[in-house]
N, C-alpha and C. Protein backbone atom coordinates (compact mmCIF):
# COMPACT_ATOMS: atom_id res chain seq x y z
N MET A 1 -18.71 -8.13 109.63
CA MET A 1 -17.69 -7.82 108.66
C MET A 1 -17.20 -9.10 107.96
N ARG A 2 -17.04 -10.16 108.72
CA ARG A 2 -16.54 -11.42 108.19
C ARG A 2 -17.56 -12.04 107.23
N TYR A 3 -18.87 -11.95 107.54
CA TYR A 3 -19.90 -12.52 106.68
C TYR A 3 -19.99 -11.80 105.34
N THR A 4 -19.80 -10.50 105.33
CA THR A 4 -19.86 -9.77 104.07
C THR A 4 -18.69 -10.13 103.15
N THR A 5 -17.53 -10.39 103.72
CA THR A 5 -16.37 -10.79 102.92
C THR A 5 -16.61 -12.17 102.28
N ILE A 6 -17.16 -13.09 103.05
CA ILE A 6 -17.45 -14.44 102.54
C ILE A 6 -18.53 -14.37 101.46
N ALA A 7 -19.57 -13.58 101.70
CA ALA A 7 -20.66 -13.45 100.72
C ALA A 7 -20.14 -12.80 99.43
N ALA A 8 -19.30 -11.78 99.55
CA ALA A 8 -18.76 -11.11 98.37
C ALA A 8 -17.86 -12.06 97.59
N THR A 9 -17.08 -12.89 98.26
CA THR A 9 -16.21 -13.86 97.60
C THR A 9 -17.05 -14.90 96.85
N CYS A 10 -18.12 -15.38 97.47
CA CYS A 10 -19.01 -16.36 96.81
C CYS A 10 -19.67 -15.76 95.57
N ILE A 11 -20.08 -14.52 95.64
CA ILE A 11 -20.71 -13.86 94.49
C ILE A 11 -19.70 -13.71 93.35
N VAL A 12 -18.47 -13.33 93.67
CA VAL A 12 -17.44 -13.18 92.65
C VAL A 12 -17.14 -14.54 91.99
N LEU A 13 -17.04 -15.60 92.79
CA LEU A 13 -16.78 -16.93 92.23
C LEU A 13 -17.94 -17.40 91.35
N LEU A 14 -19.17 -17.15 91.75
CA LEU A 14 -20.33 -17.50 90.95
C LEU A 14 -20.34 -16.72 89.65
N PHE A 15 -20.01 -15.44 89.70
CA PHE A 15 -19.94 -14.60 88.52
C PHE A 15 -18.88 -15.12 87.53
N CYS A 16 -17.71 -15.53 88.05
CA CYS A 16 -16.64 -16.07 87.21
C CYS A 16 -17.06 -17.39 86.57
N ALA A 17 -17.76 -18.26 87.32
CA ALA A 17 -18.20 -19.55 86.79
C ALA A 17 -19.23 -19.36 85.69
N LEU A 18 -20.12 -18.41 85.83
CA LEU A 18 -21.13 -18.16 84.80
C LEU A 18 -20.50 -17.66 83.51
N PHE A 19 -19.53 -16.76 83.62
CA PHE A 19 -18.90 -16.23 82.43
C PHE A 19 -17.90 -17.21 81.80
N ALA A 20 -17.42 -18.17 82.55
CA ALA A 20 -16.52 -19.17 82.00
C ALA A 20 -17.27 -20.24 81.23
N GLY A 21 -18.58 -20.31 81.39
CA GLY A 21 -19.39 -21.29 80.67
C GLY A 21 -19.43 -22.64 81.35
N CYS A 22 -19.10 -22.70 82.60
CA CYS A 22 -19.07 -23.98 83.31
C CYS A 22 -20.46 -24.50 83.66
N THR A 23 -21.46 -23.68 83.54
CA THR A 23 -22.80 -24.11 83.95
C THR A 23 -23.72 -24.38 82.78
N SER A 24 -23.24 -24.17 81.54
CA SER A 24 -24.12 -24.39 80.40
C SER A 24 -24.21 -25.88 80.10
N PRO A 25 -25.43 -26.41 79.89
CA PRO A 25 -25.57 -27.84 79.60
C PRO A 25 -25.20 -28.13 78.15
N THR A 26 -24.19 -28.94 77.96
CA THR A 26 -23.78 -29.33 76.61
C THR A 26 -23.66 -30.84 76.56
N GLN A 27 -23.91 -31.38 75.39
CA GLN A 27 -23.74 -32.81 75.19
C GLN A 27 -22.68 -33.00 74.12
N ALA A 28 -21.53 -33.42 74.54
CA ALA A 28 -20.43 -33.63 73.60
C ALA A 28 -20.52 -35.04 73.05
N GLU A 29 -20.55 -35.14 71.74
CA GLU A 29 -20.57 -36.44 71.10
C GLU A 29 -19.32 -36.54 70.22
N ILE A 30 -18.62 -37.64 70.38
CA ILE A 30 -17.45 -37.88 69.56
C ILE A 30 -17.86 -38.85 68.47
N LYS A 31 -17.77 -38.40 67.23
CA LYS A 31 -18.13 -39.23 66.10
C LYS A 31 -16.87 -39.56 65.32
N PRO A 32 -16.66 -40.86 65.02
CA PRO A 32 -15.47 -41.19 64.25
C PRO A 32 -15.58 -40.65 62.83
N VAL A 33 -14.47 -40.18 62.34
CA VAL A 33 -14.42 -39.65 60.99
C VAL A 33 -13.88 -40.75 60.09
N ALA A 34 -14.60 -41.03 59.02
CA ALA A 34 -14.15 -42.06 58.09
C ALA A 34 -12.97 -41.53 57.29
N THR A 35 -11.90 -42.30 57.31
CA THR A 35 -10.71 -41.89 56.58
C THR A 35 -10.40 -42.93 55.52
N THR A 36 -9.81 -42.50 54.45
CA THR A 36 -9.40 -43.39 53.38
C THR A 36 -7.90 -43.44 53.37
N VAL A 37 -7.37 -44.64 53.41
CA VAL A 37 -5.93 -44.83 53.41
C VAL A 37 -5.53 -45.33 52.03
N THR A 38 -4.60 -44.62 51.42
CA THR A 38 -4.12 -45.05 50.11
C THR A 38 -2.69 -45.55 50.27
N ALA A 39 -2.43 -46.68 49.67
CA ALA A 39 -1.10 -47.27 49.76
C ALA A 39 -0.47 -47.23 48.38
N THR A 40 0.82 -46.96 48.34
CA THR A 40 1.51 -46.97 47.06
C THR A 40 1.96 -48.39 46.77
N MET A 41 1.70 -48.84 45.56
CA MET A 41 2.03 -50.20 45.15
C MET A 41 3.22 -50.14 44.18
N PRO A 42 4.07 -51.15 44.23
CA PRO A 42 5.13 -51.21 43.23
C PRO A 42 4.52 -51.40 41.84
N ALA A 43 5.21 -50.94 40.83
CA ALA A 43 4.69 -50.98 39.46
C ALA A 43 4.55 -52.40 38.93
N THR A 44 5.20 -53.38 39.54
CA THR A 44 5.16 -54.74 39.02
C THR A 44 3.92 -55.52 39.45
N THR A 45 3.22 -55.07 40.48
CA THR A 45 2.05 -55.80 40.95
C THR A 45 0.79 -55.17 40.39
N PRO A 46 -0.24 -55.97 40.10
CA PRO A 46 -1.50 -55.41 39.61
C PRO A 46 -2.20 -54.65 40.72
N PRO A 47 -2.98 -53.62 40.37
CA PRO A 47 -3.65 -52.84 41.41
C PRO A 47 -4.71 -53.70 42.12
N VAL A 48 -4.82 -53.49 43.42
CA VAL A 48 -5.79 -54.21 44.25
C VAL A 48 -6.89 -53.23 44.63
N ALA A 49 -8.13 -53.70 44.58
CA ALA A 49 -9.26 -52.83 44.95
C ALA A 49 -9.12 -52.40 46.40
N GLU A 50 -9.36 -51.14 46.64
CA GLU A 50 -9.24 -50.58 47.98
C GLU A 50 -10.46 -50.96 48.80
N VAL A 51 -10.23 -51.49 50.00
CA VAL A 51 -11.31 -51.90 50.88
C VAL A 51 -11.56 -50.77 51.87
N THR A 52 -12.77 -50.24 51.86
CA THR A 52 -13.11 -49.21 52.82
C THR A 52 -13.93 -49.83 53.93
N THR A 53 -13.59 -49.48 55.15
CA THR A 53 -14.28 -50.03 56.30
C THR A 53 -15.33 -49.03 56.77
N THR A 54 -16.53 -49.52 56.97
CA THR A 54 -17.57 -48.65 57.52
C THR A 54 -17.64 -48.87 59.02
N PHE A 55 -17.94 -47.82 59.72
CA PHE A 55 -18.01 -47.90 61.17
C PHE A 55 -19.47 -47.91 61.62
N GLU A 56 -20.30 -48.58 60.86
CA GLU A 56 -21.71 -48.70 61.20
C GLU A 56 -21.85 -49.75 62.29
N SER A 57 -22.56 -49.42 63.35
CA SER A 57 -22.68 -50.36 64.45
C SER A 57 -23.85 -51.32 64.23
N VAL A 58 -23.76 -52.47 64.88
CA VAL A 58 -24.81 -53.48 64.80
C VAL A 58 -25.98 -53.02 65.65
N VAL A 59 -27.19 -53.14 65.09
CA VAL A 59 -28.41 -52.70 65.77
C VAL A 59 -29.35 -53.88 65.89
N SER A 60 -29.95 -54.05 67.06
CA SER A 60 -30.95 -55.08 67.24
C SER A 60 -32.26 -54.61 66.62
N LEU A 61 -32.95 -55.53 65.98
CA LEU A 61 -34.26 -55.20 65.43
C LEU A 61 -35.25 -54.99 66.57
N PRO A 62 -36.22 -54.09 66.40
CA PRO A 62 -37.26 -53.95 67.42
C PRO A 62 -38.00 -55.29 67.58
N PRO A 63 -38.54 -55.57 68.77
CA PRO A 63 -39.16 -56.87 69.02
C PRO A 63 -40.26 -57.24 68.03
N ASN A 64 -41.04 -56.28 67.57
CA ASN A 64 -42.12 -56.60 66.63
C ASN A 64 -41.61 -56.84 65.21
N LEU A 65 -40.34 -56.51 64.92
CA LEU A 65 -39.75 -56.72 63.60
C LEU A 65 -38.66 -57.80 63.61
N MET A 66 -38.51 -58.49 64.76
CA MET A 66 -37.43 -59.46 64.94
C MET A 66 -37.55 -60.64 63.98
N VAL A 67 -36.42 -61.02 63.37
CA VAL A 67 -36.32 -62.24 62.57
C VAL A 67 -35.06 -62.98 63.00
N ASP A 68 -35.07 -64.29 62.77
CA ASP A 68 -33.95 -65.14 63.18
C ASP A 68 -33.06 -65.43 61.98
N LEU A 69 -31.79 -65.05 62.09
CA LEU A 69 -30.78 -65.32 61.07
C LEU A 69 -29.68 -66.14 61.71
N GLU A 70 -29.25 -67.20 61.04
CA GLU A 70 -28.21 -68.07 61.57
C GLU A 70 -27.01 -68.02 60.64
N LEU A 71 -25.87 -67.53 61.15
CA LEU A 71 -24.64 -67.39 60.37
C LEU A 71 -23.63 -68.43 60.83
N THR A 72 -23.16 -69.26 59.90
CA THR A 72 -22.17 -70.29 60.23
C THR A 72 -21.12 -70.36 59.13
N LYS A 73 -19.99 -70.96 59.48
CA LYS A 73 -18.94 -71.20 58.49
C LYS A 73 -18.61 -72.68 58.54
N ASP A 74 -18.72 -73.34 57.39
CA ASP A 74 -18.46 -74.77 57.28
C ASP A 74 -16.96 -75.00 57.40
N ARG A 75 -16.57 -75.86 58.29
CA ARG A 75 -15.16 -76.05 58.58
C ARG A 75 -14.37 -76.66 57.43
N PRO A 76 -14.81 -77.78 56.84
CA PRO A 76 -13.96 -78.35 55.79
C PRO A 76 -13.94 -77.55 54.48
N THR A 77 -15.06 -76.95 54.10
CA THR A 77 -15.12 -76.26 52.81
C THR A 77 -14.93 -74.76 52.91
N SER A 78 -14.97 -74.19 54.11
CA SER A 78 -14.85 -72.75 54.37
C SER A 78 -16.00 -71.95 53.76
N GLN A 79 -17.12 -72.60 53.46
CA GLN A 79 -18.28 -71.88 52.94
C GLN A 79 -19.01 -71.19 54.09
N ILE A 80 -19.48 -69.98 53.80
CA ILE A 80 -20.22 -69.19 54.79
C ILE A 80 -21.71 -69.33 54.45
N HIS A 81 -22.50 -69.72 55.45
CA HIS A 81 -23.93 -69.96 55.27
C HIS A 81 -24.72 -68.97 56.11
N LEU A 82 -25.71 -68.33 55.50
CA LEU A 82 -26.66 -67.48 56.21
C LEU A 82 -28.04 -68.07 55.98
N LEU A 83 -28.67 -68.53 57.06
CA LEU A 83 -29.97 -69.18 57.00
C LEU A 83 -31.02 -68.25 57.59
N TYR A 84 -32.11 -68.07 56.86
CA TYR A 84 -33.22 -67.22 57.30
C TYR A 84 -34.30 -68.13 57.89
N ASN A 85 -34.62 -67.94 59.19
CA ASN A 85 -35.58 -68.78 59.88
C ASN A 85 -36.90 -68.07 60.15
N GLY A 86 -37.10 -66.86 59.64
CA GLY A 86 -38.35 -66.14 59.88
C GLY A 86 -38.40 -65.57 61.29
N GLY A 87 -39.61 -65.29 61.75
CA GLY A 87 -39.80 -64.74 63.08
C GLY A 87 -41.02 -63.84 63.11
N PRO A 88 -41.24 -63.14 64.23
CA PRO A 88 -42.43 -62.31 64.37
C PRO A 88 -42.53 -61.19 63.34
N GLY A 89 -41.41 -60.68 62.86
CA GLY A 89 -41.43 -59.57 61.92
C GLY A 89 -41.22 -59.97 60.48
N GLU A 90 -41.36 -61.26 60.16
CA GLU A 90 -41.04 -61.71 58.80
C GLU A 90 -41.96 -61.13 57.74
N ILE A 91 -43.17 -60.71 58.09
CA ILE A 91 -44.06 -60.14 57.07
C ILE A 91 -43.62 -58.73 56.67
N PHE A 92 -42.78 -58.09 57.50
CA PHE A 92 -42.31 -56.74 57.20
C PHE A 92 -40.97 -56.73 56.46
N VAL A 93 -40.26 -57.86 56.44
CA VAL A 93 -38.92 -57.93 55.84
C VAL A 93 -39.03 -57.78 54.33
N GLN A 94 -38.25 -56.83 53.80
CA GLN A 94 -38.24 -56.60 52.36
C GLN A 94 -37.10 -57.34 51.69
N ASN A 95 -35.90 -57.31 52.30
CA ASN A 95 -34.79 -58.10 51.77
C ASN A 95 -33.70 -58.25 52.83
N VAL A 96 -32.82 -59.20 52.57
CA VAL A 96 -31.67 -59.47 53.43
C VAL A 96 -30.43 -59.45 52.54
N THR A 97 -29.41 -58.68 52.95
CA THR A 97 -28.18 -58.54 52.19
C THR A 97 -27.01 -59.03 53.03
N MET A 98 -26.13 -59.82 52.42
CA MET A 98 -24.93 -60.29 53.10
C MET A 98 -23.71 -59.85 52.31
N LYS A 99 -22.74 -59.27 53.02
CA LYS A 99 -21.48 -58.83 52.40
C LYS A 99 -20.35 -59.57 53.11
N VAL A 100 -19.53 -60.27 52.33
CA VAL A 100 -18.40 -61.01 52.87
C VAL A 100 -17.12 -60.39 52.34
N THR A 101 -16.25 -60.00 53.25
CA THR A 101 -14.92 -59.50 52.89
C THR A 101 -13.94 -60.60 53.26
N ARG A 102 -13.41 -61.25 52.23
CA ARG A 102 -12.49 -62.37 52.45
C ARG A 102 -11.12 -61.85 52.88
N SER A 103 -10.34 -62.73 53.46
CA SER A 103 -9.01 -62.33 53.94
C SER A 103 -8.08 -61.94 52.80
N ASP A 104 -8.37 -62.36 51.55
CA ASP A 104 -7.54 -61.97 50.42
C ASP A 104 -7.99 -60.63 49.81
N GLY A 105 -8.99 -59.97 50.40
CA GLY A 105 -9.44 -58.67 49.94
C GLY A 105 -10.63 -58.71 49.01
N THR A 106 -11.06 -59.90 48.58
CA THR A 106 -12.22 -60.04 47.70
C THR A 106 -13.50 -59.75 48.47
N ILE A 107 -14.38 -58.95 47.87
CA ILE A 107 -15.65 -58.61 48.50
C ILE A 107 -16.78 -59.21 47.68
N THR A 108 -17.68 -59.93 48.35
CA THR A 108 -18.84 -60.52 47.71
C THR A 108 -20.08 -60.03 48.44
N GLU A 109 -21.03 -59.51 47.67
CA GLU A 109 -22.28 -59.03 48.27
C GLU A 109 -23.44 -59.72 47.55
N GLN A 110 -24.35 -60.30 48.34
CA GLN A 110 -25.47 -61.03 47.76
C GLN A 110 -26.77 -60.66 48.45
N LEU A 111 -27.85 -60.66 47.65
CA LEU A 111 -29.20 -60.46 48.17
C LEU A 111 -29.86 -61.82 48.30
N MET A 112 -30.53 -62.04 49.43
CA MET A 112 -31.22 -63.30 49.62
C MET A 112 -32.45 -63.36 48.72
N ASP A 113 -32.65 -64.47 48.06
CA ASP A 113 -33.79 -64.73 47.18
C ASP A 113 -33.87 -63.70 46.06
N GLY A 114 -32.72 -63.25 45.58
CA GLY A 114 -32.69 -62.32 44.46
C GLY A 114 -33.24 -60.94 44.77
N GLY A 115 -33.29 -60.56 46.03
CA GLY A 115 -33.80 -59.25 46.41
C GLY A 115 -35.28 -59.24 46.72
N LEU A 116 -35.92 -60.39 46.57
CA LEU A 116 -37.34 -60.49 46.90
C LEU A 116 -37.48 -60.75 48.40
N GLN A 117 -38.72 -60.72 48.88
CA GLN A 117 -38.96 -60.99 50.30
C GLN A 117 -38.55 -62.43 50.59
N PRO A 118 -37.63 -62.64 51.54
CA PRO A 118 -37.17 -64.00 51.83
C PRO A 118 -38.25 -64.83 52.52
N LYS A 119 -38.14 -66.14 52.33
CA LYS A 119 -39.05 -67.09 52.97
C LYS A 119 -38.26 -67.93 53.96
N ARG A 120 -38.96 -68.53 54.92
CA ARG A 120 -38.29 -69.41 55.88
C ARG A 120 -37.54 -70.50 55.14
N GLY A 121 -36.31 -70.72 55.56
CA GLY A 121 -35.48 -71.74 54.94
C GLY A 121 -34.59 -71.23 53.82
N ASP A 122 -34.75 -69.97 53.39
CA ASP A 122 -33.86 -69.41 52.37
C ASP A 122 -32.45 -69.32 52.93
N GLU A 123 -31.47 -69.53 52.05
CA GLU A 123 -30.09 -69.57 52.51
C GLU A 123 -29.18 -68.92 51.47
N LEU A 124 -28.19 -68.18 51.97
CA LEU A 124 -27.12 -67.64 51.13
C LEU A 124 -25.86 -68.43 51.44
N ILE A 125 -25.12 -68.80 50.40
CA ILE A 125 -23.86 -69.51 50.59
C ILE A 125 -22.79 -68.77 49.81
N VAL A 126 -21.72 -68.37 50.50
CA VAL A 126 -20.60 -67.65 49.88
C VAL A 126 -19.33 -68.41 50.23
N GLN A 127 -18.46 -68.59 49.24
CA GLN A 127 -17.19 -69.27 49.48
C GLN A 127 -16.26 -68.35 50.26
N GLY A 128 -15.80 -68.81 51.41
CA GLY A 128 -14.87 -68.06 52.23
C GLY A 128 -13.45 -68.58 52.05
N THR A 129 -12.58 -68.16 52.93
CA THR A 129 -11.19 -68.63 52.91
C THR A 129 -10.94 -69.45 54.16
N ARG A 130 -9.81 -70.11 54.20
CA ARG A 130 -9.47 -70.91 55.38
C ARG A 130 -9.06 -70.03 56.55
N THR A 131 -8.67 -68.81 56.27
CA THR A 131 -8.34 -67.87 57.33
C THR A 131 -9.57 -67.03 57.63
N GLY A 132 -9.42 -65.92 58.31
CA GLY A 132 -10.57 -65.13 58.74
C GLY A 132 -11.24 -64.35 57.64
N ASP A 133 -12.57 -64.36 57.67
CA ASP A 133 -13.40 -63.57 56.76
C ASP A 133 -14.35 -62.73 57.60
N GLN A 134 -14.66 -61.53 57.11
CA GLN A 134 -15.61 -60.67 57.82
C GLN A 134 -16.95 -60.74 57.10
N CYS A 135 -18.01 -60.94 57.88
CA CYS A 135 -19.34 -61.04 57.30
C CYS A 135 -20.24 -59.99 57.94
N GLU A 136 -20.95 -59.23 57.08
CA GLU A 136 -21.89 -58.22 57.53
C GLU A 136 -23.25 -58.54 56.91
N VAL A 137 -24.31 -58.40 57.71
CA VAL A 137 -25.66 -58.70 57.23
C VAL A 137 -26.57 -57.52 57.56
N TRP A 138 -27.33 -57.09 56.53
CA TRP A 138 -28.31 -56.02 56.69
C TRP A 138 -29.70 -56.57 56.40
N VAL A 139 -30.67 -56.13 57.19
CA VAL A 139 -32.07 -56.49 56.96
C VAL A 139 -32.83 -55.21 56.68
N THR A 140 -33.54 -55.18 55.55
CA THR A 140 -34.41 -54.05 55.24
C THR A 140 -35.82 -54.47 55.64
N THR A 141 -36.37 -53.78 56.62
CA THR A 141 -37.68 -54.13 57.15
C THR A 141 -38.46 -52.86 57.45
N ALA A 142 -39.69 -52.83 57.04
CA ALA A 142 -40.58 -51.69 57.27
C ALA A 142 -39.95 -50.39 56.77
N GLY A 143 -39.21 -50.46 55.67
CA GLY A 143 -38.63 -49.27 55.05
C GLY A 143 -37.32 -48.81 55.66
N LYS A 144 -36.80 -49.48 56.69
CA LYS A 144 -35.53 -49.09 57.31
C LYS A 144 -34.52 -50.21 57.12
N VAL A 145 -33.24 -49.82 57.06
CA VAL A 145 -32.16 -50.79 56.92
C VAL A 145 -31.45 -50.92 58.26
N TYR A 146 -31.32 -52.15 58.76
CA TYR A 146 -30.66 -52.43 60.03
C TYR A 146 -29.47 -53.34 59.77
N LYS A 147 -28.30 -52.96 60.29
CA LYS A 147 -27.14 -53.85 60.25
C LYS A 147 -27.27 -54.75 61.47
N VAL A 148 -27.55 -56.04 61.24
CA VAL A 148 -27.85 -56.94 62.34
C VAL A 148 -26.69 -57.87 62.71
N ILE A 149 -25.75 -58.09 61.78
CA ILE A 149 -24.61 -58.96 62.07
C ILE A 149 -23.35 -58.32 61.48
N ASP A 150 -22.28 -58.31 62.27
CA ASP A 150 -20.94 -57.93 61.81
C ASP A 150 -19.98 -58.84 62.57
N GLN A 151 -19.50 -59.87 61.90
CA GLN A 151 -18.78 -60.91 62.61
C GLN A 151 -17.58 -61.39 61.80
N ASN A 152 -16.47 -61.66 62.49
CA ASN A 152 -15.31 -62.28 61.86
C ASN A 152 -15.47 -63.78 62.01
N LEU A 153 -15.34 -64.50 60.89
CA LEU A 153 -15.51 -65.96 60.90
C LEU A 153 -14.18 -66.63 60.58
N TYR A 154 -13.86 -67.67 61.32
CA TYR A 154 -12.63 -68.42 61.11
C TYR A 154 -12.98 -69.88 60.95
N SER A 155 -12.26 -70.59 60.09
CA SER A 155 -12.43 -72.05 60.01
C SER A 155 -11.10 -72.67 60.41
N MET A 156 -11.01 -73.04 61.65
CA MET A 156 -9.78 -73.63 62.19
C MET A 156 -9.71 -75.09 61.78
N GLN A 157 -8.51 -75.54 61.52
CA GLN A 157 -8.34 -76.95 61.14
C GLN A 157 -7.44 -77.65 62.11
């Protein structure tokens, strides 16, 4: 008598769990939603371009497409330098793009070597500020675009 009560209870609990959906395999992914924030400006100030932030993550290039990029900020002049050193995947690289968002809100975007395939030793130089600047670098290789650098640069004095 006792075993039938326990077995009946287990069957009822299993039945409830199945109908509650506790056993279905699901993969929940939380994706950030891009939002645009608009600020009201007083009528006396000129309008400032709105800076939108992308939440694109930095991706490492596959080993066969790897190239070496060196990002530095010159301390006395606050210039941002991106140096292309080539690498195993340099024959596949189509272009390198650098976007600098200065601390004053100015955005500068440049293509290395005018959008042509970069060569070893090619360099992009963008004037930064003495405070923090954000630098993002994309490499287009083998028909895909990879964000390879997203870094805040500071020139401390």
